Amino acid sequence: SPETLRKIEAGRLPAPAFGTVVCL
């Protein structure tokens, strides 16, 4: 979701799932 990416980029989701990082 765009909100998930927004949180990761802003540092509000500092430990995203491995699969998420792979897909990004």
PDB file of all heavy atoms in Angstrom:
ATOM      1  N   SER A   1       0.837  -1.195   0.000  1.00  0.00           N
ATOM      2  CA  SER A   1       0.000   0.000   0.000  1.00  0.00           C
ATOM      3  C   SER A   1       0.873   1.247   0.000  1.00  0.00           C
ATOM      4  O   SER A   1       1.979   1.242   0.550  1.00  0.00           O
ATOM      5  CB  SER A   1      -0.918   0.015   1.226  1.00  0.00           C
ATOM      6  OG  SER A   1      -0.180   0.318   2.394  1.00  0.00           O
ATOM      7  N   PRO A   2       0.369   2.321  -0.599  1.00  0.00           N
ATOM      8  CA  PRO A   2       1.119   3.584  -0.543  1.00  0.00           C
ATOM      9  C   PRO A   2       1.381   4.028   0.897  1.00  0.00           C
ATOM     10  O   PRO A   2       2.447   4.568   1.192  1.00  0.00           O
ATOM     11  CB  PRO A   2       0.208   4.565  -1.281  1.00  0.00           C
ATOM     12  CG  PRO A   2      -0.563   3.706  -2.230  1.00  0.00           C
ATOM     13  CD  PRO A   2      -0.798   2.418  -1.469  1.00  0.00           C
ATOM     14  N   GLU A   3       0.452   3.765   1.785  1.00  0.00           N
ATOM     15  CA  GLU A   3       0.645   4.166   3.184  1.00  0.00           C
ATOM     16  C   GLU A   3       1.812   3.402   3.818  1.00  0.00           C
ATOM     17  O   GLU A   3       2.587   3.971   4.594  1.00  0.00           O
ATOM     18  CB  GLU A   3      -0.627   3.949   3.999  1.00  0.00           C
ATOM     19  CG  GLU A   3      -0.529   4.432   5.433  1.00  0.00           C
ATOM     20  CD  GLU A   3      -0.193   5.920   5.588  1.00  0.00           C
ATOM     21  OE1 GLU A   3      -0.437   6.726   4.662  1.00  0.00           O
ATOM     22  OE2 GLU A   3       0.333   6.287   6.653  1.00  0.00           O
ATOM     23  N   THR A   4       1.967   2.139   3.472  1.00  0.00           N
ATOM     24  CA  THR A   4       3.089   1.364   3.989  1.00  0.00           C
ATOM     25  C   THR A   4       4.403   1.953   3.497  1.00  0.00           C
ATOM     26  O   THR A   4       5.344   2.149   4.284  1.00  0.00           O
ATOM     27  CB  THR A   4       2.978  -0.113   3.584  1.00  0.00           C
ATOM     28  OG1 THR A   4       1.806  -0.665   4.191  1.00  0.00           O
ATOM     29  CG2 THR A   4       4.197  -0.910   4.027  1.00  0.00           C
ATOM     30  N   LEU A   5       4.479   2.263   2.208  1.00  0.00           N
ATOM     31  CA  LEU A   5       5.704   2.865   1.674  1.00  0.00           C
ATOM     32  C   LEU A   5       5.957   4.220   2.315  1.00  0.00           C
ATOM     33  O   LEU A   5       7.095   4.544   2.661  1.00  0.00           O
ATOM     34  CB  LEU A   5       5.630   2.989   0.151  1.00  0.00           C
ATOM     35  CG  LEU A   5       6.859   3.607  -0.524  1.00  0.00           C
ATOM     36  CD1 LEU A   5       8.144   2.882  -0.128  1.00  0.00           C
ATOM     37  CD2 LEU A   5       6.686   3.624  -2.032  1.00  0.00           C
ATOM     38  N   ARG A   6       4.918   5.003   2.507  1.00  0.00           N
ATOM     39  CA  ARG A   6       5.063   6.319   3.147  1.00  0.00           C
ATOM     40  C   ARG A   6       5.657   6.161   4.553  1.00  0.00           C
ATOM     41  O   ARG A   6       6.572   6.893   4.936  1.00  0.00           O
ATOM     42  CB  ARG A   6       3.693   7.011   3.217  1.00  0.00           C
ATOM     43  CG  ARG A   6       3.733   8.431   3.735  1.00  0.00           C
ATOM     44  CD  ARG A   6       2.356   9.107   3.674  1.00  0.00           C
ATOM     45  NE  ARG A   6       1.951   9.322   2.285  1.00  0.00           N
ATOM     46  CZ  ARG A   6       0.959   8.671   1.662  1.00  0.00           C
ATOM     47  NH1 ARG A   6       0.250   7.761   2.304  1.00  0.00           N
ATOM     48  NH2 ARG A   6       0.662   8.920   0.409  1.00  0.00           N
ATOM     49  N   LYS A   7       5.168   5.166   5.298  1.00  0.00           N
ATOM     50  CA  LYS A   7       5.673   4.929   6.657  1.00  0.00           C
ATOM     51  C   LYS A   7       7.128   4.470   6.642  1.00  0.00           C
ATOM     52  O   LYS A   7       7.926   4.889   7.480  1.00  0.00           O
ATOM     53  CB  LYS A   7       4.811   3.889   7.380  1.00  0.00           C
ATOM     54  CG  LYS A   7       3.461   4.417   7.797  1.00  0.00           C
ATOM     55  CD  LYS A   7       2.650   3.329   8.474  1.00  0.00           C
ATOM     56  CE  LYS A   7       1.274   3.825   8.866  1.00  0.00           C
ATOM     57  NZ  LYS A   7       0.473   2.747   9.475  1.00  0.00           N
ATOM     58  N   ILE A   8       7.475   3.596   5.690  1.00  0.00           N
ATOM     59  CA  ILE A   8       8.861   3.127   5.611  1.00  0.00           C
ATOM     60  C   ILE A   8       9.784   4.288   5.280  1.00  0.00           C
ATOM     61  O   ILE A   8      10.819   4.478   5.929  1.00  0.00           O
ATOM     62  CB  ILE A   8       8.992   1.999   4.556  1.00  0.00           C
ATOM     63  CG1 ILE A   8       8.226   0.758   5.006  1.00  0.00           C
ATOM     64  CG2 ILE A   8      10.472   1.661   4.322  1.00  0.00           C
ATOM     65  CD1 ILE A   8       8.073  -0.300   3.918  1.00  0.00           C
ATOM     66  N   GLU A   9       9.426   5.074   4.275  1.00  0.00           N
ATOM     67  CA  GLU A   9      10.274   6.209   3.875  1.00  0.00           C
ATOM     68  C   GLU A   9      10.426   7.236   4.984  1.00  0.00           C
ATOM     69  O   GLU A   9      11.479   7.847   5.122  1.00  0.00           O
ATOM     70  CB  GLU A   9       9.695   6.882   2.631  1.00  0.00           C
ATOM     71  CG  GLU A   9       9.883   6.088   1.366  1.00  0.00           C
ATOM     72  CD  GLU A   9       9.402   6.800   0.121  1.00  0.00           C
ATOM     73  OE1 GLU A   9       8.840   7.924   0.221  1.00  0.00           O
ATOM     74  OE2 GLU A   9       9.595   6.254  -0.976  1.00  0.00           O
ATOM     75  N   ALA A  10       9.384   7.401   5.784  1.00  0.00           N
ATOM     76  CA  ALA A  10       9.428   8.390   6.870  1.00  0.00           C
ATOM     77  C   ALA A  10      10.101   7.847   8.131  1.00  0.00           C
ATOM     78  O   ALA A  10      10.308   8.587   9.088  1.00  0.00           O
ATOM     79  CB  ALA A  10       8.011   8.859   7.199  1.00  0.00           C
ATOM     80  N   GLY A  11      10.433   6.549   8.126  1.00  0.00           N
ATOM     81  CA  GLY A  11      11.061   5.958   9.304  1.00  0.00           C
ATOM     82  C   GLY A  11      10.079   5.573  10.385  1.00  0.00           C
ATOM     83  O   GLY A  11      10.476   5.202  11.481  1.00  0.00           O
ATOM     84  N   ARG A  12       8.784   5.645  10.080  1.00  0.00           N
ATOM     85  CA  ARG A  12       7.763   5.273  11.073  1.00  0.00           C
ATOM     86  C   ARG A  12       7.506   3.768  11.084  1.00  0.00           C
ATOM     87  O   ARG A  12       6.829   3.270  11.975  1.00  0.00           O
ATOM     88  CB  ARG A  12       6.468   6.031  10.809  1.00  0.00           C
ATOM     89  CG  ARG A  12       6.605   7.513  11.041  1.00  0.00           C
ATOM     90  CD  ARG A  12       5.271   8.258  11.083  1.00  0.00           C
ATOM     91  NE  ARG A  12       4.177   7.610  10.424  1.00  0.00           N
ATOM     92  CZ  ARG A  12       3.629   8.003   9.260  1.00  0.00           C
ATOM     93  NH1 ARG A  12       4.100   9.046   8.629  1.00  0.00           N
ATOM     94  NH2 ARG A  12       2.609   7.356   8.750  1.00  0.00           N
ATOM     95  N   LEU A  13       8.041   3.051  10.102  1.00  0.00           N
ATOM     96  CA  LEU A  13       7.982   1.589  10.058  1.00  0.00           C
ATOM     97  C   LEU A  13       9.420   1.121   9.860  1.00  0.00           C
ATOM     98  O   LEU A  13       9.852   0.782   8.766  1.00  0.00           O
ATOM     99  CB  LEU A  13       7.078   1.127   8.911  1.00  0.00           C
ATOM    100  CG  LEU A  13       6.835  -0.372   8.757  1.00  0.00           C
ATOM    101  CD1 LEU A  13       6.238  -0.955  10.036  1.00  0.00           C
ATOM    102  CD2 LEU A  13       5.905  -0.620   7.590  1.00  0.00           C
ATOM    103  N   PRO A  14      10.199   1.136  10.960  1.00  0.00           N
ATOM    104  CA  PRO A  14      11.646   0.919  10.840  1.00  0.00           C
ATOM    105  C   PRO A  14      12.075  -0.513  10.581  1.00  0.00           C
ATOM    106  O   PRO A  14      13.233  -0.760  10.253  1.00  0.00           O
ATOM    107  CB  PRO A  14      12.187   1.412  12.176  1.00  0.00           C
ATOM    108  CG  PRO A  14      11.063   1.240  13.130  1.00  0.00           C
ATOM    109  CD  PRO A  14       9.807   1.463  12.328  1.00  0.00           C
ATOM    110  N   ALA A  15      11.167  -1.465  10.715  1.00  0.00           N
ATOM    111  CA  ALA A  15      11.542  -2.863  10.498  1.00  0.00           C
ATOM    112  C   ALA A  15      10.506  -3.536   9.593  1.00  0.00           C
ATOM    113  O   ALA A  15       9.758  -4.405  10.025  1.00  0.00           O
ATOM    114  CB  ALA A  15      11.654  -3.595  11.829  1.00  0.00           C
ATOM    115  N   PRO A  16      10.467  -3.133   8.320  1.00  0.00           N
ATOM    116  CA  PRO A  16       9.493  -3.742   7.419  1.00  0.00           C
ATOM    117  C   PRO A  16       9.801  -5.219   7.198  1.00  0.00           C
ATOM    118  O   PRO A  16      10.942  -5.662   7.376  1.00  0.00           O
ATOM    119  CB  PRO A  16       9.647  -2.945   6.119  1.00  0.00           C
ATOM    120  CG  PRO A  16      11.008  -2.358   6.183  1.00  0.00           C
ATOM    121  CD  PRO A  16      11.309  -2.156   7.636  1.00  0.00           C
ATOM    122  N   ALA A  17       8.787  -5.963   6.815  1.00  0.00           N
ATOM    123  CA  ALA A  17       8.962  -7.396   6.553  1.00  0.00           C
ATOM    124  C   ALA A  17       9.977  -7.603   5.433  1.00  0.00           C
ATOM    125  O   ALA A  17      10.082  -6.789   4.516  1.00  0.00           O
ATOM    126  CB  ALA A  17       7.617  -8.010   6.170  1.00  0.00           C
ATOM    127  N   PHE A  18      10.696  -8.707   5.513  1.00  0.00           N
ATOM    128  CA  PHE A  18      11.707  -9.013   4.507  1.00  0.00           C
ATOM    129  C   PHE A  18      11.097  -9.029   3.111  1.00  0.00           C
ATOM    130  O   PHE A  18      11.665  -8.477   2.172  1.00  0.00           O
ATOM    131  CB  PHE A  18      12.362 -10.365   4.826  1.00  0.00           C
ATOM    132  CG  PHE A  18      13.384 -10.772   3.816  1.00  0.00           C
ATOM    133  CD1 PHE A  18      14.609 -10.124   3.751  1.00  0.00           C
ATOM    134  CD2 PHE A  18      13.127 -11.800   2.925  1.00  0.00           C
ATOM    135  CE1 PHE A  18      15.562 -10.501   2.816  1.00  0.00           C
ATOM    136  CE2 PHE A  18      14.073 -12.179   1.985  1.00  0.00           C
ATOM    137  CZ  PHE A  18      15.292 -11.531   1.927  1.00  0.00           C
ATOM    138  N   GLY A  19       9.950  -9.646   2.964  1.00  0.00           N
ATOM    139  CA  GLY A  19       9.293  -9.706   1.661  1.00  0.00           C
ATOM    140  C   GLY A  19       8.984  -8.331   1.105  1.00  0.00           C
ATOM    141  O   GLY A  19       9.086  -8.104  -0.110  1.00  0.00           O
ATOM    142  N   THR A  20       8.629  -7.417   1.968  1.00  0.00           N
ATOM    143  CA  THR A  20       8.359  -6.042   1.548  1.00  0.00           C
ATOM    144  C   THR A  20       9.625  -5.397   1.005  1.00  0.00           C
ATOM    145  O   THR A  20       9.606  -4.745  -0.044  1.00  0.00           O
ATOM    146  CB  THR A  20       7.800  -5.217   2.730  1.00  0.00           C
ATOM    147  OG1 THR A  20       6.574  -5.817   3.169  1.00  0.00           O
ATOM    148  CG2 THR A  20       7.565  -3.776   2.351  1.00  0.00           C
ATOM    149  N   VAL A  21      10.736  -5.592   1.696  1.00  0.00           N
ATOM    150  CA  VAL A  21      12.009  -5.018   1.242  1.00  0.00           C
ATOM    151  C   VAL A  21      12.435  -5.650  -0.081  1.00  0.00           C
ATOM    152  O   VAL A  21      12.909  -4.951  -0.981  1.00  0.00           O
ATOM    153  CB  VAL A  21      13.102  -5.173   2.324  1.00  0.00           C
ATOM    154  CG1 VAL A  21      14.438  -4.637   1.830  1.00  0.00           C
ATOM    155  CG2 VAL A  21      12.682  -4.454   3.608  1.00  0.00           C
ATOM    156  N   VAL A  22      12.227  -6.948  -0.221  1.00  0.00           N
ATOM    157  CA  VAL A  22      12.566  -7.634  -1.478  1.00  0.00           C
ATOM    158  C   VAL A  22      11.749  -7.037  -2.628  1.00  0.00           C
ATOM    159  O   VAL A  22      12.293  -6.719  -3.699  1.00  0.00           O
ATOM    160  CB  VAL A  22      12.324  -9.151  -1.372  1.00  0.00           C
ATOM    161  CG1 VAL A  22      12.402  -9.821  -2.738  1.00  0.00           C
ATOM    162  CG2 VAL A  22      13.318  -9.782  -0.406  1.00  0.00           C
ATOM    163  N   CYS A  23      10.452  -6.872  -2.431  1.00  0.00           N
ATOM    164  CA  CYS A  23       9.590  -6.327  -3.483  1.00  0.00           C
ATOM    165  C   CYS A  23       9.953  -4.878  -3.815  1.00  0.00           C
ATOM    166  O   CYS A  23       9.942  -4.490  -4.992  1.00  0.00           O
ATOM    167  CB  CYS A  23       8.128  -6.445  -3.078  1.00  0.00           C
ATOM    168  SG  CYS A  23       7.546  -8.154  -3.050  1.00  0.00           S
ATOM    169  N   LEU A  24      10.308  -4.091  -2.815  1.00  0.00           N
ATOM    170  CA  LEU A  24      10.740  -2.720  -3.069  1.00  0.00           C
ATOM    171  C   LEU A  24      12.066  -2.708  -3.819  1.00  0.00           C
ATOM    172  O   LEU A  24      12.272  -1.893  -4.721  1.00  0.00           O
ATOM    173  CB  LEU A  24      10.857  -1.935  -1.760  1.00  0.00           C
ATOM    174  CG  LEU A  24       9.528  -1.518  -1.146  1.00  0.00           C
ATOM    175  CD1 LEU A  24       9.721  -1.034   0.287  1.00  0.00           C
ATOM    176  CD2 LEU A  24       8.871  -0.438  -1.999  1.00  0.00           C
TER     177      LEU A  24
END
